Amino acid sequence: MATGTVKWFNGQKGFGFIQPNDGSSDVFVHISAVERAGLPGLTEGQRVNFELRTDPKHGKSSAENLSLA
């Protein structure tokens, strides 16, 4: 499981980005992943654990299985 910091998240738009601690590219996070984790939302600077999932249909990666770090 990776750890990172929320770069920004817009609850109204339903998405944001996490900056991984390992220095890799920012990771997209969708509101549905936040809701599945039982979190009310994400705030800038918040540290989170996540798994990187690649959508086989579109080939794009996103954060899943979120938890607070």
Protein backbone atom coordinates (compact mmCIF):
# COMPACT_ATOMS: atom_id res chain seq x y z
CA MET A 1 0.00 0.00 0.00
CA ALA A 2 1.32 3.43 -0.94
CA THR A 3 1.23 6.58 1.16
CA GLY A 4 0.85 10.12 -0.08
CA THR A 5 -0.44 13.62 0.58
CA VAL A 6 -3.64 15.07 -0.85
CA LYS A 7 -2.51 17.73 -3.32
CA TRP A 8 -6.05 18.98 -3.83
CA PHE A 9 -9.58 17.61 -3.76
CA ASN A 10 -12.81 19.24 -4.91
CA GLY A 11 -15.88 17.55 -3.45
CA GLN A 12 -18.23 19.45 -5.77
CA LYS A 13 -16.39 18.27 -8.87
CA GLY A 14 -15.90 14.83 -7.33
CA PHE A 15 -12.18 14.32 -7.82
CA GLY A 16 -8.67 15.38 -6.88
CA PHE A 17 -5.06 14.25 -6.80
CA ILE A 18 -2.71 12.60 -4.32
CA GLN A 19 1.05 13.21 -4.41
CA PRO A 20 2.75 9.87 -3.58
CA ASN A 21 5.57 9.93 -1.03
CA ASP A 22 7.83 7.97 -3.39
CA GLY A 23 8.04 10.94 -5.76
CA SER A 24 6.11 9.29 -8.59
CA SER A 25 3.46 11.10 -10.64
CA ASP A 26 0.33 12.46 -8.96
CA VAL A 27 -2.49 9.94 -8.63
CA PHE A 28 -6.11 10.69 -9.58
CA VAL A 29 -8.70 10.02 -6.86
CA HIS A 30 -12.46 9.92 -7.54
CA ILE A 31 -15.16 10.77 -4.99
CA SER A 32 -16.50 7.20 -5.26
CA ALA A 33 -13.23 5.84 -3.80
CA VAL A 34 -13.48 8.35 -0.95
CA GLU A 35 -17.09 7.36 -0.25
CA ARG A 36 -16.28 3.61 -0.37
CA ALA A 37 -13.59 4.26 2.25
CA GLY A 38 -16.22 5.82 4.52
CA LEU A 39 -14.45 9.18 4.50
CA PRO A 40 -16.46 12.43 4.41
CA GLY A 41 -13.97 13.98 2.00
CA LEU A 42 -10.29 14.80 1.60
CA THR A 43 -8.48 18.01 2.48
CA GLU A 44 -5.30 19.49 1.06
CA GLY A 45 -2.25 18.29 2.98
CA GLN A 46 -4.01 15.24 4.46
CA ARG A 47 -1.88 12.07 4.52
CA VAL A 48 -3.55 8.95 3.12
CA ASN A 49 -2.75 5.33 2.35
CA PHE A 50 -3.99 4.00 -0.97
CA GLU A 51 -3.65 1.28 -3.57
CA LEU A 52 -2.99 2.15 -7.19
CA ARG A 53 -5.53 0.59 -9.55
CA THR A 54 -5.34 0.66 -13.34
CA ASP A 55 -8.63 0.61 -15.23
CA PRO A 56 -8.24 -2.17 -17.83
CA LYS A 57 -10.75 -0.51 -20.15
CA HIS A 58 -9.12 2.94 -20.26
CA GLY A 59 -5.60 2.20 -19.00
CA LYS A 60 -5.73 5.06 -16.49
CA SER A 61 -4.59 4.72 -12.88
CA SER A 62 -6.46 5.91 -9.81
CA ALA A 63 -6.31 5.62 -6.03
CA GLU A 64 -8.51 2.98 -4.37
CA ASN A 65 -8.87 1.45 -0.88
CA LEU A 66 -8.13 4.75 0.83
CA SER A 67 -7.40 5.09 4.53
CA LEU A 68 -6.00 7.87 6.66
CA ALA A 69 -2.26 7.60 7.34
